[in-house]
Protein backbone atom coordinates (compact mmCIF):
# COMPACT_ATOMS: atom_id res chain seq x y z
CA MET A 1 -76.85 -133.00 -111.60
CA LYS A 2 -75.05 -133.29 -115.01
CA HIS A 3 -71.61 -134.65 -114.82
CA VAL A 4 -69.18 -131.92 -116.91
CA VAL A 5 -65.51 -133.64 -117.70
CA VAL A 6 -63.21 -130.69 -118.76
CA ILE A 7 -59.60 -132.32 -120.91
CA GLY A 8 -57.09 -129.83 -121.54
CA GLY A 9 -54.02 -128.11 -119.29
CA GLY A 10 -51.95 -124.96 -118.23
CA THR A 11 -54.44 -121.02 -118.89
CA GLY A 12 -56.58 -122.10 -120.79
CA VAL A 13 -58.60 -124.99 -118.24
CA PHE A 14 -57.89 -122.55 -115.56
CA VAL A 15 -60.56 -120.20 -117.27
CA ALA A 16 -62.93 -123.40 -118.09
CA LEU A 17 -63.26 -124.18 -114.53
CA THR A 18 -63.35 -121.07 -113.20
CA GLY A 19 -66.54 -120.29 -115.07
CA LEU A 20 -68.16 -123.79 -114.39
CA LYS A 21 -67.38 -124.23 -110.77
CA LYS A 22 -70.04 -121.48 -110.25
CA LEU A 23 -73.33 -123.44 -111.93
CA PRO A 24 -74.86 -126.47 -111.12
CA LEU A 25 -72.87 -128.81 -112.55
CA LYS A 26 -71.18 -132.00 -111.26
CA LEU A 27 -67.44 -130.74 -112.19
CA SER A 28 -63.96 -133.35 -112.95
CA ALA A 29 -60.73 -131.98 -114.73
CA ILE A 30 -58.46 -134.30 -116.69
CA VAL A 31 -55.40 -132.60 -116.63
CA THR A 32 -52.04 -133.05 -119.27
CA MET A 33 -48.85 -134.25 -117.34
CA ALA A 34 -46.67 -133.12 -119.99
CA ASP A 35 -45.60 -130.05 -118.38
CA ASP A 36 -41.57 -130.01 -118.03
CA GLY A 37 -40.79 -126.42 -117.51
CA GLY A 38 -39.88 -124.24 -114.64
CA SER A 39 -41.06 -124.94 -111.46
CA SER A 40 -42.82 -128.91 -112.37
CA GLY A 41 -39.13 -129.60 -114.33
CA ILE A 42 -36.62 -128.89 -111.57
CA LEU A 43 -39.09 -131.63 -108.77
CA ARG A 44 -39.74 -134.04 -111.80
CA GLU A 45 -35.93 -134.09 -111.98
CA GLU A 46 -34.55 -133.70 -108.87
CA PHE A 47 -37.42 -135.40 -106.57
CA GLY A 48 -38.60 -137.82 -109.13
CA VAL A 49 -42.36 -136.56 -108.93
CA LEU A 50 -44.60 -136.26 -111.56
CA PRO A 51 -45.77 -132.68 -112.91
CA PRO A 52 -48.50 -130.59 -110.42
CA GLY A 53 -48.16 -127.60 -112.02
CA ASP A 54 -51.27 -128.08 -114.51
CA ILE A 55 -52.93 -130.09 -111.69
CA ARG A 56 -52.10 -127.23 -109.00
CA ARG A 57 -53.85 -124.21 -111.75
CA ALA A 58 -57.29 -126.97 -111.74
CA LEU A 59 -57.07 -126.84 -107.71
CA VAL A 60 -56.48 -123.17 -107.48
CA ALA A 61 -59.89 -123.00 -110.18
CA LEU A 62 -62.18 -125.33 -108.47
CA SER A 63 -61.08 -123.83 -105.28
CA SER A 64 -64.22 -122.65 -103.06
CA SER A 65 -61.75 -121.24 -100.35
CA SER A 66 -60.63 -118.17 -99.28
CA SER A 67 -59.43 -116.33 -101.83
CA LEU A 68 -55.61 -116.15 -99.69
CA LEU A 69 -55.68 -119.88 -99.63
CA SER A 70 -55.95 -119.37 -103.80
CA ARG A 71 -53.64 -116.61 -104.06
CA LEU A 72 -50.60 -119.05 -101.38
CA PHE A 73 -50.80 -121.84 -103.79
CA SER A 74 -50.60 -119.39 -106.71
CA TYR A 75 -47.71 -117.95 -105.07
CA ARG A 76 -44.13 -117.85 -106.90
CA PHE A 77 -41.23 -117.40 -104.69
CA SER A 78 -38.95 -114.65 -106.48
CA ASN A 79 -36.03 -115.19 -104.64
CA GLY A 80 -34.04 -117.82 -102.37
CA LYS A 81 -31.12 -120.18 -103.00
CA GLY A 82 -33.41 -123.30 -104.54
CA LEU A 83 -36.14 -121.78 -103.68
CA LYS A 84 -36.43 -118.79 -106.91
CA LYS A 85 -39.57 -120.19 -109.54
CA HIS A 86 -41.49 -122.15 -107.43
CA SER A 87 -44.37 -122.35 -106.34
CA PHE A 88 -45.86 -123.15 -103.32
CA GLY A 89 -48.56 -125.12 -104.62
CA ASN A 90 -46.15 -127.16 -106.41
CA LEU A 91 -44.10 -127.66 -103.57
CA PHE A 92 -46.96 -128.20 -101.63
CA LEU A 93 -47.81 -131.09 -104.13
CA ALA A 94 -44.63 -132.23 -104.48
CA VAL A 95 -44.41 -133.37 -100.65
CA LEU A 96 -47.86 -134.52 -100.60
CA GLU A 97 -46.92 -137.03 -103.61
CA LYS A 98 -43.67 -137.91 -101.26
CA ILE A 99 -45.61 -138.63 -98.27
CA SER A 100 -49.14 -140.54 -99.56
CA GLY A 101 -46.59 -142.55 -101.80
CA ASP A 102 -48.66 -141.52 -104.29
CA PHE A 103 -49.62 -138.64 -106.68
CA GLN A 104 -53.46 -138.77 -106.73
CA LYS A 105 -53.77 -139.53 -103.33
CA GLY A 106 -51.69 -136.30 -102.67
CA ILE A 107 -54.19 -134.24 -105.23
CA GLU A 108 -57.16 -135.49 -102.83
CA GLU A 109 -56.27 -134.04 -99.52
CA ALA A 110 -55.05 -131.19 -101.37
CA SER A 111 -58.46 -130.93 -102.37
CA LYS A 112 -59.66 -131.38 -98.86
CA VAL A 113 -57.56 -128.13 -98.02
CA LEU A 114 -59.18 -125.85 -100.93
CA HIS A 115 -62.40 -127.04 -100.72
CA VAL A 116 -61.84 -127.80 -104.51
CA LYS A 117 -65.95 -128.45 -106.06
CA GLY A 118 -65.17 -131.30 -108.17
CA ARG A 119 -62.37 -133.61 -109.17
CA VAL A 120 -58.75 -133.16 -110.46
CA ILE A 121 -57.56 -135.94 -112.55
CA PRO A 122 -54.10 -136.40 -114.01
CA VAL A 123 -54.48 -138.19 -116.73
CA THR A 124 -51.98 -140.34 -116.88
CA LEU A 125 -49.17 -141.97 -114.05
CA THR A 126 -46.43 -142.37 -116.40
CA ASN A 127 -43.40 -140.92 -116.10
CA THR A 128 -43.20 -139.76 -119.90
CA HIS A 129 -41.86 -136.27 -122.48
CA LEU A 130 -43.39 -134.97 -125.40
CA ILE A 131 -41.64 -134.81 -128.34
CA ALA A 132 -42.74 -133.09 -131.72
CA ARG A 133 -41.27 -133.64 -135.02
CA LEU A 134 -41.51 -130.44 -137.23
CA GLU A 135 -41.64 -130.66 -141.15
CA ASN A 136 -38.12 -130.66 -141.32
CA GLY A 137 -37.69 -133.73 -139.57
CA ARG A 138 -36.23 -132.57 -135.93
CA LEU A 139 -37.49 -133.96 -132.86
CA ILE A 140 -38.32 -130.90 -130.08
CA LYS A 141 -37.87 -132.98 -126.64
CA GLY A 142 -39.36 -131.66 -123.86
CA GLU A 143 -42.88 -129.60 -123.70
CA THR A 144 -40.90 -126.68 -122.67
CA ASN A 145 -39.03 -126.39 -125.88
CA ILE A 146 -42.30 -126.50 -128.44
CA ASP A 147 -43.93 -124.26 -126.30
CA ILE A 148 -41.56 -121.86 -126.23
CA PRO A 149 -39.04 -122.28 -129.11
CA HIS A 150 -35.74 -121.82 -129.51
CA HIS A 151 -35.61 -123.52 -133.81
CA ASP A 152 -37.83 -121.68 -135.97
CA GLY A 153 -40.77 -121.62 -134.39
CA ARG A 154 -42.04 -120.99 -138.04
CA LEU A 155 -41.66 -124.82 -139.29
CA LYS A 156 -44.95 -126.31 -139.05
CA ILE A 157 -45.44 -129.31 -136.60
CA GLU A 158 -45.86 -132.65 -138.49
CA GLU A 159 -46.69 -134.48 -135.24
CA VAL A 160 -46.06 -135.40 -131.54
CA PHE A 161 -46.19 -138.47 -129.53
CA LEU A 162 -44.94 -139.52 -126.06
CA ARG A 163 -41.93 -140.99 -124.58
CA PRO A 164 -42.32 -143.26 -122.93
CA GLN A 165 -45.85 -144.80 -124.24
CA ALA A 166 -48.42 -143.17 -120.66
CA LYS A 167 -51.22 -145.78 -119.76
CA ALA A 168 -54.37 -143.69 -118.83
CA SER A 169 -54.88 -143.32 -115.46
CA SER A 170 -58.17 -145.23 -114.33
CA LEU A 171 -60.04 -142.56 -112.91
CA ALA A 172 -59.39 -140.51 -116.00
CA LYS A 173 -61.47 -143.44 -118.00
CA LYS A 174 -63.48 -144.04 -115.18
CA ALA A 175 -64.76 -139.83 -115.31
CA ILE A 176 -65.13 -139.91 -119.35
CA GLU A 177 -66.94 -142.98 -118.85
CA GLU A 178 -69.36 -141.26 -116.57
CA ALA A 179 -69.26 -137.62 -118.15
CA ASP A 180 -72.78 -136.32 -119.92
CA THR A 181 -70.42 -133.62 -122.04
CA ILE A 182 -66.66 -133.69 -122.36
CA VAL A 183 -64.66 -129.95 -122.96
CA ILE A 184 -62.18 -130.44 -124.58
CA GLY A 185 -59.95 -126.81 -124.62
CA PRO A 186 -59.27 -123.82 -124.75
CA GLY A 187 -55.80 -124.37 -124.73
CA ASP A 188 -51.85 -124.54 -126.64
CA LEU A 189 -53.10 -127.13 -129.12
CA TYR A 190 -50.04 -129.14 -129.30
CA THR A 191 -49.30 -128.73 -125.38
CA SER A 192 -52.12 -128.29 -123.49
CA ILE A 193 -54.74 -130.31 -125.72
CA ILE A 194 -53.17 -133.51 -127.82
CA PRO A 195 -51.02 -134.78 -125.33
CA ASN A 196 -54.11 -135.81 -123.71
CA PHE A 197 -55.11 -138.12 -126.67
CA LEU A 198 -51.52 -139.83 -126.92
CA VAL A 199 -51.92 -141.18 -123.72
CA ARG A 200 -52.99 -145.15 -124.00
CA GLY A 201 -57.04 -145.71 -123.79
CA ILE A 202 -58.34 -141.21 -123.22
CA LYS A 203 -59.00 -141.19 -127.58
CA GLU A 204 -60.98 -144.71 -126.78
CA ALA A 205 -62.82 -143.28 -124.08
CA VAL A 206 -63.49 -140.69 -125.47
CA ARG A 207 -64.99 -141.70 -128.78
CA ARG A 208 -66.83 -144.71 -127.05
CA SER A 209 -68.73 -142.46 -124.92
CA LYS A 210 -72.06 -141.01 -125.37
CA ALA A 211 -71.33 -137.67 -124.17
CA LYS A 212 -71.73 -134.24 -125.78
CA LYS A 213 -68.40 -133.27 -126.53
CA ILE A 214 -67.50 -129.64 -126.98
CA TYR A 215 -63.97 -127.66 -128.58
CA VAL A 216 -63.55 -124.73 -127.84
CA ALA A 217 -61.14 -122.95 -130.10
CA ASN A 218 -58.28 -120.93 -129.08
CA ILE A 219 -58.67 -117.09 -129.29
CA MET A 220 -55.41 -116.34 -130.68
CA THR A 221 -52.22 -117.97 -132.83
CA LYS A 222 -48.86 -119.21 -130.87
CA TYR A 223 -45.68 -118.94 -132.33
CA GLY A 224 -43.78 -122.62 -132.41
CA GLU A 225 -47.19 -124.39 -132.35
CA THR A 226 -49.72 -122.67 -135.01
CA ASN A 227 -48.61 -120.00 -136.26
CA ARG A 228 -51.19 -118.40 -138.15
CA PHE A 229 -53.88 -121.09 -138.25
CA SER A 230 -57.74 -121.02 -138.92
CA ALA A 231 -60.35 -122.16 -136.43
CA SER A 232 -60.44 -124.75 -139.20
CA GLN A 233 -57.27 -125.91 -138.88
CA PHE A 234 -57.56 -126.18 -135.19
CA LEU A 235 -59.99 -128.41 -135.82
CA ASN A 236 -58.11 -130.28 -138.19
CA VAL A 237 -55.28 -130.70 -135.90
CA LEU A 238 -57.36 -132.30 -133.28
CA GLU A 239 -59.57 -134.72 -134.92
CA LYS A 240 -55.78 -136.16 -136.47
CA TYR A 241 -55.69 -137.55 -132.90
CA LEU A 242 -59.30 -137.83 -131.59
CA GLY A 243 -60.42 -139.01 -135.05
CA LYS A 244 -63.64 -137.94 -136.82
CA ASN A 245 -67.25 -137.35 -136.40
CA VAL A 246 -65.91 -137.17 -132.26
CA ILE A 247 -67.00 -133.86 -131.56
CA ASP A 248 -70.82 -132.79 -131.46
CA TYR A 249 -69.63 -128.48 -131.30
CA PHE A 250 -67.15 -126.52 -131.79
CA LEU A 251 -67.07 -123.15 -129.98
CA VAL A 252 -65.43 -120.20 -132.03
CA ASN A 253 -65.37 -116.50 -130.89
CA ILE A 254 -66.10 -113.71 -132.96
CA SER A 255 -65.57 -111.11 -130.34
CA LYS A 256 -62.57 -108.91 -132.29
CA PRO A 257 -59.34 -107.69 -130.06
CA GLN A 258 -58.68 -103.83 -129.45
CA GLY A 259 -55.43 -103.10 -131.29
CA LYS A 260 -53.83 -101.60 -127.90
CA TYR A 261 -54.18 -104.98 -127.08
CA LEU A 262 -52.49 -106.77 -129.92
CA ARG A 263 -49.64 -104.88 -130.16
CA TYR A 264 -48.19 -106.89 -127.24
CA TYR A 265 -49.23 -109.81 -128.82
CA LYS A 266 -47.98 -108.92 -131.80
CA LYS A 267 -44.19 -109.36 -129.94
CA GLU A 268 -45.28 -112.73 -129.15
CA LYS A 269 -46.00 -113.10 -132.99
CA ALA A 270 -49.21 -114.46 -131.95
CA GLU A 271 -52.50 -112.94 -133.93
CA PRO A 272 -56.21 -113.84 -133.46
CA VAL A 273 -57.49 -117.03 -134.98
CA LYS A 274 -59.58 -116.57 -137.98
CA TYR A 275 -62.38 -118.74 -139.10
CA ASN A 276 -64.88 -118.55 -141.86
CA ARG A 277 -68.55 -118.84 -141.44
CA GLU A 278 -69.09 -120.07 -144.48
CA LYS A 279 -66.48 -122.92 -144.69
CA LEU A 280 -67.52 -124.38 -141.27
CA LEU A 281 -71.78 -123.61 -141.21
CA SER A 282 -70.87 -126.08 -143.97
CA LEU A 283 -69.82 -129.32 -142.19
CA LYS A 284 -72.05 -132.14 -141.21
CA LYS A 285 -70.14 -132.65 -138.15
CA PRO A 286 -69.48 -130.53 -135.52
CA LYS A 287 -72.11 -128.25 -135.24
CA VAL A 288 -70.34 -124.67 -135.18
CA ILE A 289 -71.19 -122.18 -132.68
CA PHE A 290 -70.18 -118.90 -133.01
CA ALA A 291 -70.04 -116.47 -129.76
CA ARG A 292 -68.79 -113.27 -128.27
CA LEU A 293 -66.01 -114.78 -126.04
CA LEU A 294 -63.56 -112.69 -125.21
CA ARG A 295 -62.98 -111.28 -121.70
CA LYS A 296 -61.66 -107.57 -121.47
CA GLY A 297 -58.68 -106.50 -120.59
CA LYS A 298 -55.73 -106.50 -122.15
CA PHE A 299 -54.95 -110.47 -121.59
CA LEU A 300 -57.11 -111.94 -124.91
CA ARG A 301 -58.66 -115.29 -123.73
CA HIS A 302 -61.57 -116.50 -123.14
CA ASP A 303 -64.01 -114.81 -120.41
CA PRO A 304 -65.30 -117.35 -118.08
CA ASP A 305 -68.08 -116.73 -117.09
CA LYS A 306 -69.41 -116.69 -120.95
CA LEU A 307 -67.98 -119.24 -121.82
CA ALA A 308 -69.65 -121.62 -119.07
CA ARG A 309 -72.87 -120.21 -119.82
CA LEU A 310 -72.48 -121.17 -123.08
CA ILE A 311 -71.50 -124.71 -122.21
CA PHE A 312 -73.78 -124.79 -119.61
CA ARG A 313 -77.16 -124.33 -122.87
CA ILE A 314 -75.47 -126.81 -124.73
CA VAL A 315 -75.87 -128.83 -121.34
CA LYS A 316 -79.24 -128.30 -121.31
CA GLY A 317 -79.47 -129.33 -124.80
CA GLU A 318 -80.99 -126.06 -126.10
CA TYR A 319 -78.15 -126.60 -129.37
CA GLU A 320 -79.64 -129.12 -130.54
């Protein structure tokens, strides 16, 4: 059975894993640990635990337990002193970390409860924070402040880095070494994807790996991160941190969202990711695959099953 490793965080990894778990694959999810907002941020500050939010999403995505148990882990308290805004799953993981004394052990125990297919691995066990330097030189501290900008979100991000410097978890490096295919994304470029490659040892492991490497371009841009980015710009930024000629396949959505759904995203100052077919096809590497990957409905995201089927075809060698 082929081993597929998905690297990322947030909703993007949830989407990819939800589709891939239905296929005959061995799965590992390597998840960013830069989250410092909402429930995760509070738990980090008050209890000194690592951020559980993105880990929880990946666990729920890979769960083969009852829908009720998955809903329980996703449940967020809407009121209650001290509980409001907290996710039950985040609290559960925080308690497991305290009881076991080890975050990875806590994840393994939660995986048993949720009957997870595959393994969920934090990219690092270092308590670190993401920082962005804008084109005007200003530093934005914290993943949440980058993700939801209180500054002028039109300003370009010049670079992102971690403080303190983080070391890759041994399990993350081992999963990359054993992978047959590595899938990067989809997900917010600077807050869900790039932070993984800022962890010391991860980009080096990916470069050394003989696995097929796939990057999934986003469907929509994001205000404050990727304003008006084309597909080529997404790829260029990833290669800035990962290196040139590392990615083998670049998946680009060609489905056009309906106007009625775009109106909501316009309020968020987001727009569909544009692409220049001729420019992309002229690349020697990666091989660009254009496909209809948009899900139906008002949330303009990848369809988990369409994306998984395309990745599976690459895994089987149909695009070589």
